[in-house]
């Protein structure tokens, strides 16, 4: 067919790389681009910049919600599908992540706005996004992975044993 063995090998490895990035390893389903690990920086980066650039509590609450929604979808599409995950666990994880992000953002934002002058408060708001995201992401990870922590994950060899 006119294609060298070396060229065919290169093409096969490139196809393997692309399919590994685009397909879920357990289900074989296509992962939408914004929720692939390779899409995390181009899609979540602007959200994080918007969180840090927020100068009001309302803006920070909005971008924290968007960030945690994006993270929840990334976690869902890249989950370990060989372990059962109920809709209840997904809902609890999303609620815990968004609720904690908004609670930390609102609490710190309110504290800063009451304690400091408007000019100083505006400059300090950029430091609220990080603890808000860390608390929410940590809680989200724990809630989503807690069934695996409790019961373990199935391990099989190449023969399915």
N, C-alpha and C. Protein backbone atom coordinates (compact mmCIF):
# COMPACT_ATOMS: atom_id res chain seq x y z
N UNK A 1 0.81 -1.20 0.00
CA UNK A 1 0.00 0.00 0.00
C UNK A 1 0.85 1.26 0.00
N UNK A 2 2.15 1.13 -0.05
CA UNK A 2 3.03 2.27 -0.17
C UNK A 2 3.39 2.95 1.14
N UNK A 3 2.93 2.45 2.28
CA UNK A 3 3.25 3.06 3.57
C UNK A 3 4.29 2.18 4.26
N UNK A 4 5.39 2.81 4.66
CA UNK A 4 6.45 2.04 5.31
C UNK A 4 5.99 1.55 6.68
N UNK A 5 6.67 0.52 7.17
CA UNK A 5 6.35 -0.02 8.50
C UNK A 5 6.58 1.04 9.58
N UNK A 6 7.62 1.83 9.43
CA UNK A 6 7.92 2.89 10.40
C UNK A 6 6.82 3.96 10.40
N UNK A 7 6.37 4.36 9.20
CA UNK A 7 5.31 5.35 9.09
C UNK A 7 4.00 4.80 9.66
N UNK A 8 3.70 3.54 9.39
CA UNK A 8 2.48 2.92 9.92
C UNK A 8 2.54 2.86 11.45
N UNK A 9 3.70 2.53 12.00
CA UNK A 9 3.88 2.49 13.45
C UNK A 9 3.66 3.86 14.06
N UNK A 10 4.21 4.89 13.43
CA UNK A 10 4.03 6.26 13.92
C UNK A 10 2.56 6.65 13.90
N UNK A 11 1.87 6.32 12.83
CA UNK A 11 0.45 6.65 12.71
C UNK A 11 -0.38 5.90 13.76
N UNK A 12 -0.05 4.64 13.99
CA UNK A 12 -0.78 3.87 15.00
C UNK A 12 -0.56 4.43 16.40
N UNK A 13 0.68 4.82 16.73
CA UNK A 13 0.95 5.41 18.04
C UNK A 13 0.23 6.74 18.20
N UNK A 14 0.17 7.52 17.13
CA UNK A 14 -0.55 8.80 17.19
C UNK A 14 -2.05 8.55 17.39
N UNK A 15 -2.61 7.57 16.71
CA UNK A 15 -4.02 7.23 16.90
C UNK A 15 -4.28 6.75 18.33
N UNK A 16 -3.35 5.97 18.87
CA UNK A 16 -3.47 5.51 20.25
C UNK A 16 -3.45 6.68 21.22
N UNK A 17 -2.57 7.65 21.01
CA UNK A 17 -2.48 8.82 21.87
C UNK A 17 -3.78 9.62 21.84
N UNK A 18 -4.31 9.83 20.65
CA UNK A 18 -5.54 10.61 20.50
C UNK A 18 -6.71 9.88 21.15
N UNK A 19 -6.84 8.58 20.90
CA UNK A 19 -7.97 7.86 21.48
C UNK A 19 -7.84 7.75 22.99
N UNK A 20 -6.64 7.65 23.52
CA UNK A 20 -6.45 7.60 24.98
C UNK A 20 -6.88 8.91 25.63
N UNK A 21 -6.69 10.02 24.94
CA UNK A 21 -7.06 11.32 25.49
C UNK A 21 -8.56 11.59 25.33
N UNK A 22 -9.19 10.97 24.35
CA UNK A 22 -10.58 11.30 24.02
C UNK A 22 -11.60 10.28 24.52
N UNK A 23 -11.17 9.05 24.80
CA UNK A 23 -12.11 7.99 25.17
C UNK A 23 -11.92 7.59 26.62
N UNK A 24 -13.03 7.36 27.31
CA UNK A 24 -12.96 6.89 28.70
C UNK A 24 -12.40 5.47 28.70
N UNK A 25 -11.40 5.20 29.54
CA UNK A 25 -10.76 3.87 29.52
C UNK A 25 -11.68 2.72 29.95
N UNK A 26 -12.67 2.98 30.79
CA UNK A 26 -13.56 1.92 31.26
C UNK A 26 -14.77 1.73 30.36
N UNK A 27 -15.34 2.83 29.89
CA UNK A 27 -16.60 2.74 29.14
C UNK A 27 -16.41 2.81 27.63
N UNK A 28 -15.31 3.41 27.18
CA UNK A 28 -15.10 3.62 25.75
C UNK A 28 -15.87 4.80 25.20
N UNK A 29 -16.63 5.48 26.07
CA UNK A 29 -17.39 6.65 25.63
C UNK A 29 -16.46 7.82 25.33
N UNK A 30 -16.85 8.65 24.38
CA UNK A 30 -16.09 9.85 24.07
C UNK A 30 -16.30 10.87 25.18
N UNK A 31 -15.22 11.41 25.70
CA UNK A 31 -15.28 12.44 26.73
C UNK A 31 -15.34 13.79 26.02
N UNK A 32 -16.36 14.61 26.31
CA UNK A 32 -16.43 15.93 25.66
C UNK A 32 -15.16 16.74 25.92
N UNK A 33 -14.71 17.47 24.94
CA UNK A 33 -13.45 18.21 25.00
C UNK A 33 -13.27 19.05 26.27
N UNK A 34 -14.27 19.82 26.71
CA UNK A 34 -14.04 20.64 27.91
C UNK A 34 -13.79 19.83 29.18
N UNK A 35 -14.14 18.54 29.17
CA UNK A 35 -14.04 17.73 30.38
C UNK A 35 -12.92 16.70 30.31
N UNK A 36 -12.14 16.72 29.23
CA UNK A 36 -10.96 15.86 29.13
C UNK A 36 -9.84 16.47 29.98
N UNK A 37 -8.94 15.63 30.45
CA UNK A 37 -7.80 16.15 31.21
C UNK A 37 -6.97 17.09 30.33
N UNK A 38 -6.87 16.78 29.05
CA UNK A 38 -6.11 17.65 28.15
C UNK A 38 -6.83 18.98 27.90
N UNK A 39 -8.11 19.06 28.23
CA UNK A 39 -8.86 20.31 28.06
C UNK A 39 -8.96 21.12 29.32
N UNK A 40 -8.36 20.63 30.41
CA UNK A 40 -8.54 21.30 31.70
C UNK A 40 -7.99 22.72 31.70
N UNK A 41 -6.77 22.89 31.23
CA UNK A 41 -6.16 24.23 31.25
C UNK A 41 -6.87 25.20 30.30
N UNK A 42 -7.10 24.83 29.04
CA UNK A 42 -7.75 25.81 28.16
C UNK A 42 -9.19 26.14 28.55
N UNK A 43 -9.89 25.21 29.19
CA UNK A 43 -11.28 25.49 29.55
C UNK A 43 -11.42 25.99 30.99
N UNK A 44 -10.65 25.45 31.92
CA UNK A 44 -10.78 25.87 33.32
C UNK A 44 -9.88 27.06 33.63
N UNK A 45 -8.81 27.24 32.87
CA UNK A 45 -7.90 28.37 33.10
C UNK A 45 -8.60 29.72 33.11
N UNK A 46 -9.40 30.04 32.09
CA UNK A 46 -10.10 31.33 32.10
C UNK A 46 -11.06 31.48 33.28
N UNK A 47 -11.66 30.37 33.71
CA UNK A 47 -12.55 30.42 34.87
C UNK A 47 -11.75 30.79 36.11
N UNK A 48 -10.59 30.16 36.29
CA UNK A 48 -9.75 30.46 37.45
C UNK A 48 -9.25 31.89 37.43
N UNK A 49 -8.87 32.38 36.25
CA UNK A 49 -8.44 33.78 36.13
C UNK A 49 -9.60 34.70 36.52
N UNK A 50 -10.79 34.37 36.08
CA UNK A 50 -11.96 35.19 36.43
C UNK A 50 -12.22 35.18 37.93
N UNK A 51 -12.01 34.03 38.57
CA UNK A 51 -12.18 33.96 40.02
C UNK A 51 -11.20 34.88 40.72
N UNK A 52 -9.93 34.80 40.32
CA UNK A 52 -8.89 35.61 40.96
C UNK A 52 -9.09 37.09 40.66
N UNK A 53 -9.60 37.39 39.48
CA UNK A 53 -9.80 38.79 39.09
C UNK A 53 -11.07 39.40 39.70
N UNK A 54 -11.89 38.58 40.33
CA UNK A 54 -13.13 39.09 40.93
C UNK A 54 -12.83 40.10 42.02
N UNK A 55 -13.52 41.23 41.96
CA UNK A 55 -13.32 42.27 42.97
C UNK A 55 -14.54 42.48 43.84
N UNK A 56 -15.56 41.64 43.66
CA UNK A 56 -16.74 41.72 44.51
C UNK A 56 -17.13 40.31 44.95
N UNK A 57 -17.84 40.23 46.04
CA UNK A 57 -18.30 38.93 46.54
C UNK A 57 -19.23 38.27 45.54
N UNK A 58 -20.12 39.04 44.91
CA UNK A 58 -21.07 38.48 43.95
C UNK A 58 -20.35 37.84 42.76
N UNK A 59 -19.36 38.54 42.23
CA UNK A 59 -18.60 37.99 41.09
C UNK A 59 -17.85 36.73 41.51
N UNK A 60 -17.26 36.77 42.69
CA UNK A 60 -16.53 35.61 43.19
C UNK A 60 -17.47 34.42 43.40
N UNK A 61 -18.67 34.66 43.91
CA UNK A 61 -19.64 33.58 44.09
C UNK A 61 -20.02 32.97 42.74
N UNK A 62 -20.25 33.81 41.74
CA UNK A 62 -20.60 33.30 40.41
C UNK A 62 -19.49 32.44 39.84
N UNK A 63 -18.25 32.95 39.86
CA UNK A 63 -17.14 32.21 39.27
C UNK A 63 -16.77 30.97 40.08
N UNK A 64 -17.01 30.99 41.38
CA UNK A 64 -16.79 29.80 42.20
C UNK A 64 -17.78 28.71 41.82
N UNK A 65 -19.02 29.11 41.57
CA UNK A 65 -20.03 28.15 41.13
C UNK A 65 -19.66 27.56 39.77
N UNK A 66 -19.26 28.42 38.83
CA UNK A 66 -18.85 27.94 37.49
C UNK A 66 -17.66 26.99 37.62
N UNK A 67 -16.67 27.35 38.43
CA UNK A 67 -15.48 26.52 38.62
C UNK A 67 -15.84 25.15 39.18
N UNK A 68 -16.65 25.12 40.22
CA UNK A 68 -17.00 23.84 40.82
C UNK A 68 -17.89 23.01 39.90
N UNK A 69 -18.72 23.65 39.10
CA UNK A 69 -19.52 22.92 38.12
C UNK A 69 -18.63 22.29 37.06
N UNK A 70 -17.64 23.05 36.59
CA UNK A 70 -16.67 22.52 35.63
C UNK A 70 -15.90 21.36 36.25
N UNK A 71 -15.43 21.52 37.48
CA UNK A 71 -14.69 20.46 38.15
C UNK A 71 -15.54 19.21 38.34
N UNK A 72 -16.79 19.39 38.69
CA UNK A 72 -17.69 18.24 38.89
C UNK A 72 -17.84 17.46 37.58
N UNK A 73 -17.97 18.17 36.48
CA UNK A 73 -18.11 17.49 35.19
C UNK A 73 -16.81 16.81 34.76
N UNK A 74 -15.68 17.43 35.03
CA UNK A 74 -14.38 16.78 34.76
C UNK A 74 -14.28 15.50 35.59
N UNK A 75 -14.63 15.60 36.88
CA UNK A 75 -14.57 14.42 37.74
C UNK A 75 -15.54 13.33 37.27
N UNK A 76 -16.72 13.71 36.85
CA UNK A 76 -17.71 12.73 36.38
C UNK A 76 -17.21 12.02 35.13
N UNK A 77 -16.80 12.78 34.13
CA UNK A 77 -16.39 12.17 32.86
C UNK A 77 -15.10 11.37 32.97
N UNK A 78 -14.29 11.62 33.99
CA UNK A 78 -13.02 10.90 34.16
C UNK A 78 -13.06 9.97 35.38
N UNK A 79 -14.27 9.64 35.83
CA UNK A 79 -14.42 8.79 37.01
C UNK A 79 -13.94 7.37 36.72
N UNK A 80 -13.77 6.61 37.79
CA UNK A 80 -13.46 5.20 37.68
C UNK A 80 -14.80 4.49 37.47
N UNK A 81 -15.12 4.19 36.23
CA UNK A 81 -16.43 3.63 35.91
C UNK A 81 -16.55 2.16 36.28
N UNK A 82 -15.44 1.54 36.70
CA UNK A 82 -15.53 0.13 37.12
C UNK A 82 -16.09 0.04 38.54
N UNK A 83 -16.14 1.16 39.25
CA UNK A 83 -16.76 1.21 40.58
C UNK A 83 -18.11 1.89 40.46
N UNK A 84 -19.10 1.32 41.13
CA UNK A 84 -20.45 1.89 41.09
C UNK A 84 -20.48 3.28 41.71
N UNK A 85 -21.11 4.23 41.02
CA UNK A 85 -21.31 5.56 41.58
C UNK A 85 -22.78 5.92 41.37
N UNK A 86 -23.45 6.14 42.46
CA UNK A 86 -24.88 6.44 42.38
C UNK A 86 -25.11 7.91 42.06
N UNK A 87 -26.31 8.20 41.59
CA UNK A 87 -26.69 9.60 41.36
C UNK A 87 -26.69 10.35 42.69
N UNK A 88 -27.00 9.65 43.78
CA UNK A 88 -26.99 10.27 45.10
C UNK A 88 -25.58 10.74 45.46
N UNK A 89 -24.57 9.90 45.18
CA UNK A 89 -23.18 10.29 45.45
C UNK A 89 -22.78 11.48 44.59
N UNK A 90 -23.17 11.46 43.32
CA UNK A 90 -22.86 12.58 42.43
C UNK A 90 -23.51 13.87 42.92
N UNK A 91 -24.78 13.79 43.29
CA UNK A 91 -25.49 14.98 43.77
C UNK A 91 -24.87 15.49 45.08
N UNK A 92 -24.54 14.55 45.97
CA UNK A 92 -23.95 14.94 47.24
C UNK A 92 -22.58 15.60 47.02
N UNK A 93 -21.80 15.05 46.10
CA UNK A 93 -20.48 15.61 45.80
C UNK A 93 -20.60 17.02 45.23
N UNK A 94 -21.50 17.19 44.27
CA UNK A 94 -21.70 18.50 43.65
C UNK A 94 -22.18 19.51 44.68
N UNK A 95 -23.15 19.11 45.48
CA UNK A 95 -23.70 20.00 46.51
C UNK A 95 -22.63 20.38 47.53
N UNK A 96 -21.84 19.41 47.95
CA UNK A 96 -20.78 19.68 48.94
C UNK A 96 -19.72 20.62 48.35
N UNK A 97 -19.33 20.38 47.10
CA UNK A 97 -18.30 21.21 46.48
C UNK A 97 -18.80 22.64 46.26
N UNK A 98 -19.96 22.77 45.66
CA UNK A 98 -20.49 24.11 45.39
C UNK A 98 -20.83 24.82 46.70
N UNK A 99 -21.47 24.11 47.61
CA UNK A 99 -21.84 24.71 48.90
C UNK A 99 -20.64 25.19 49.68
N UNK A 100 -19.59 24.37 49.74
CA UNK A 100 -18.40 24.78 50.50
C UNK A 100 -17.67 25.92 49.81
N UNK A 101 -17.60 25.89 48.47
CA UNK A 101 -16.94 26.98 47.73
C UNK A 101 -17.67 28.30 47.98
N UNK A 102 -19.00 28.26 47.90
CA UNK A 102 -19.78 29.47 48.09
C UNK A 102 -19.74 29.94 49.55
N UNK A 103 -19.75 29.00 50.48
CA UNK A 103 -19.69 29.37 51.90
C UNK A 103 -18.35 30.04 52.24
N UNK A 104 -17.25 29.46 51.76
CA UNK A 104 -15.93 30.07 52.03
C UNK A 104 -15.82 31.41 51.32
N UNK A 105 -16.22 31.46 50.05
CA UNK A 105 -16.13 32.72 49.31
C UNK A 105 -16.99 33.80 49.95
N UNK A 106 -18.22 33.45 50.31
CA UNK A 106 -19.11 34.42 50.93
C UNK A 106 -18.59 34.85 52.30
N UNK A 107 -18.16 33.88 53.10
CA UNK A 107 -17.66 34.18 54.44
C UNK A 107 -16.43 35.07 54.42
N UNK A 108 -15.45 34.70 53.62
CA UNK A 108 -14.24 35.52 53.53
C UNK A 108 -14.51 36.86 52.87
N UNK A 109 -15.34 36.85 51.81
CA UNK A 109 -15.67 38.10 51.13
C UNK A 109 -16.39 39.07 52.05
N UNK A 110 -17.33 38.56 52.83
CA UNK A 110 -18.06 39.39 53.77
C UNK A 110 -17.13 39.92 54.87
N UNK A 111 -16.29 39.05 55.38
CA UNK A 111 -15.32 39.46 56.41
C UNK A 111 -14.43 40.58 55.89
N UNK A 112 -13.90 40.41 54.69
CA UNK A 112 -12.99 41.41 54.11
C UNK A 112 -13.73 42.73 53.88
N UNK A 113 -14.93 42.65 53.35
CA UNK A 113 -15.66 43.89 53.04
C UNK A 113 -16.07 44.66 54.30
N UNK A 114 -16.27 43.95 55.40
CA UNK A 114 -16.64 44.62 56.65
C UNK A 114 -15.42 45.11 57.43
N UNK A 115 -14.31 44.44 57.26
CA UNK A 115 -13.11 44.75 58.06
C UNK A 115 -12.23 45.83 57.43
N UNK A 116 -12.25 45.93 56.11
CA UNK A 116 -11.32 46.82 55.42
C UNK A 116 -12.07 47.88 54.62
N UNK A 117 -11.35 48.92 54.27
CA UNK A 117 -11.91 49.98 53.43
C UNK A 117 -12.26 49.39 52.06
N UNK A 118 -13.16 50.04 51.32
CA UNK A 118 -13.54 49.51 50.00
C UNK A 118 -12.35 49.31 49.06
N UNK A 119 -11.39 50.20 49.09
CA UNK A 119 -10.23 50.06 48.20
C UNK A 119 -9.38 48.85 48.60
N UNK A 120 -9.13 48.73 49.89
CA UNK A 120 -8.32 47.60 50.39
C UNK A 120 -9.07 46.28 50.19
N UNK A 121 -10.38 46.29 50.46
CA UNK A 121 -11.20 45.08 50.30
C UNK A 121 -11.16 44.60 48.85
N UNK A 122 -11.25 45.54 47.91
CA UNK A 122 -11.22 45.20 46.49
C UNK A 122 -9.91 44.49 46.13
N UNK A 123 -8.79 44.97 46.68
CA UNK A 123 -7.50 44.34 46.37
C UNK A 123 -7.32 43.00 47.09
N UNK A 124 -7.98 42.82 48.22
CA UNK A 124 -7.86 41.56 48.97
C UNK A 124 -8.76 40.45 48.43
N UNK A 125 -9.78 40.80 47.69
CA UNK A 125 -10.72 39.79 47.18
C UNK A 125 -10.03 38.72 46.33
N UNK A 126 -8.95 39.09 45.65
CA UNK A 126 -8.29 38.10 44.79
C UNK A 126 -7.70 36.94 45.60
N UNK A 127 -7.52 37.13 46.91
CA UNK A 127 -6.95 36.07 47.74
C UNK A 127 -8.03 35.14 48.29
N UNK A 128 -9.27 35.41 48.03
CA UNK A 128 -10.38 34.59 48.53
C UNK A 128 -10.59 33.36 47.63
N UNK A 129 -10.32 33.50 46.35
CA UNK A 129 -10.59 32.41 45.40
C UNK A 129 -9.81 31.14 45.75
N UNK A 130 -8.56 31.26 46.14
CA UNK A 130 -7.74 30.08 46.39
C UNK A 130 -8.27 29.22 47.53
N UNK A 131 -8.47 29.78 48.75
CA UNK A 131 -8.99 28.90 49.82
C UNK A 131 -10.37 28.35 49.50
N UNK A 132 -11.18 29.12 48.81
CA UNK A 132 -12.51 28.66 48.42
C UNK A 132 -12.40 27.43 47.51
N UNK A 133 -11.55 27.50 46.51
CA UNK A 133 -11.39 26.39 45.56
C UNK A 133 -10.73 25.18 46.22
N UNK A 134 -9.76 25.41 47.11
CA UNK A 134 -9.07 24.29 47.77
C UNK A 134 -10.03 23.51 48.66
N UNK A 135 -10.80 24.22 49.47
CA UNK A 135 -11.76 23.54 50.36
C UNK A 135 -12.77 22.76 49.53
N UNK A 136 -13.32 23.39 48.51
CA UNK A 136 -14.35 22.74 47.69
C UNK A 136 -13.80 21.54 46.93
N UNK A 137 -12.64 21.69 46.33
CA UNK A 137 -12.06 20.59 45.55
C UNK A 137 -11.68 19.42 46.44
N UNK A 138 -11.16 19.70 47.61
CA UNK A 138 -10.80 18.63 48.55
C UNK A 138 -12.05 17.87 49.00
N UNK A 139 -13.08 18.60 49.34
CA UNK A 139 -14.32 17.97 49.78
C UNK A 139 -14.96 17.17 48.64
N UNK A 140 -14.96 17.74 47.45
CA UNK A 140 -15.50 17.07 46.27
C UNK A 140 -14.76 15.75 46.03
N UNK A 141 -13.45 15.79 46.06
CA UNK A 141 -12.65 14.59 45.83
C UNK A 141 -12.96 13.52 46.87
N UNK A 142 -13.05 13.93 48.12
CA UNK A 142 -13.33 12.96 49.18
C UNK A 142 -14.72 12.33 49.01
N UNK A 143 -15.73 13.15 48.73
CA UNK A 143 -17.10 12.62 48.60
C UNK A 143 -17.20 11.69 47.39
N UNK A 144 -16.62 12.09 46.26
CA UNK A 144 -16.69 11.28 45.05
C UNK A 144 -15.93 9.97 45.23
N UNK A 145 -14.80 10.02 45.88
CA UNK A 145 -13.96 8.83 46.03
C UNK A 145 -14.27 8.00 47.28
N UNK A 146 -15.15 8.49 48.15
CA UNK A 146 -15.42 7.75 49.40
C UNK A 146 -15.96 6.34 49.17
N UNK A 147 -16.81 6.09 48.14
CA UNK A 147 -17.21 4.69 47.92
C UNK A 147 -16.01 3.79 47.60
N UNK A 148 -15.05 4.30 46.84
CA UNK A 148 -13.85 3.53 46.53
C UNK A 148 -12.99 3.34 47.77
N UNK A 149 -12.94 4.36 48.63
CA UNK A 149 -12.18 4.25 49.87
C UNK A 149 -12.81 3.19 50.76
N UNK A 150 -14.15 3.16 50.82
CA UNK A 150 -14.86 2.20 51.67
C UNK A 150 -14.78 0.77 51.15
N UNK A 151 -14.97 0.59 49.83
CA UNK A 151 -15.08 -0.77 49.29
C UNK A 151 -13.90 -1.21 48.44
N UNK A 152 -13.02 -0.29 48.06
CA UNK A 152 -11.90 -0.62 47.18
C UNK A 152 -12.31 -0.56 45.72
N UNK A 153 -11.38 -0.88 44.85
CA UNK A 153 -11.65 -0.90 43.41
C UNK A 153 -11.31 -2.29 42.89
N UNK A 154 -12.04 -2.76 41.87
CA UNK A 154 -11.75 -4.08 41.33
C UNK A 154 -10.39 -4.09 40.62
N UNK A 155 -9.61 -5.11 40.89
CA UNK A 155 -8.33 -5.30 40.23
C UNK A 155 -8.38 -6.59 39.43
N UNK A 156 -7.95 -6.53 38.18
CA UNK A 156 -7.92 -7.72 37.34
C UNK A 156 -6.60 -7.77 36.58
N UNK A 157 -6.19 -8.97 36.23
CA UNK A 157 -4.99 -9.11 35.42
C UNK A 157 -5.38 -9.07 33.94
N UNK A 158 -4.42 -9.28 33.07
CA UNK A 158 -4.67 -9.22 31.63
C UNK A 158 -5.68 -10.24 31.14
N UNK A 159 -5.90 -11.31 31.92
CA UNK A 159 -6.85 -12.34 31.55
C UNK A 159 -8.23 -12.14 32.17
N UNK A 160 -8.40 -11.04 32.90
CA UNK A 160 -9.68 -10.75 33.53
C UNK A 160 -9.89 -11.44 34.87
N UNK A 161 -8.83 -12.02 35.43
CA UNK A 161 -8.94 -12.69 36.74
C UNK A 161 -8.69 -11.72 37.86
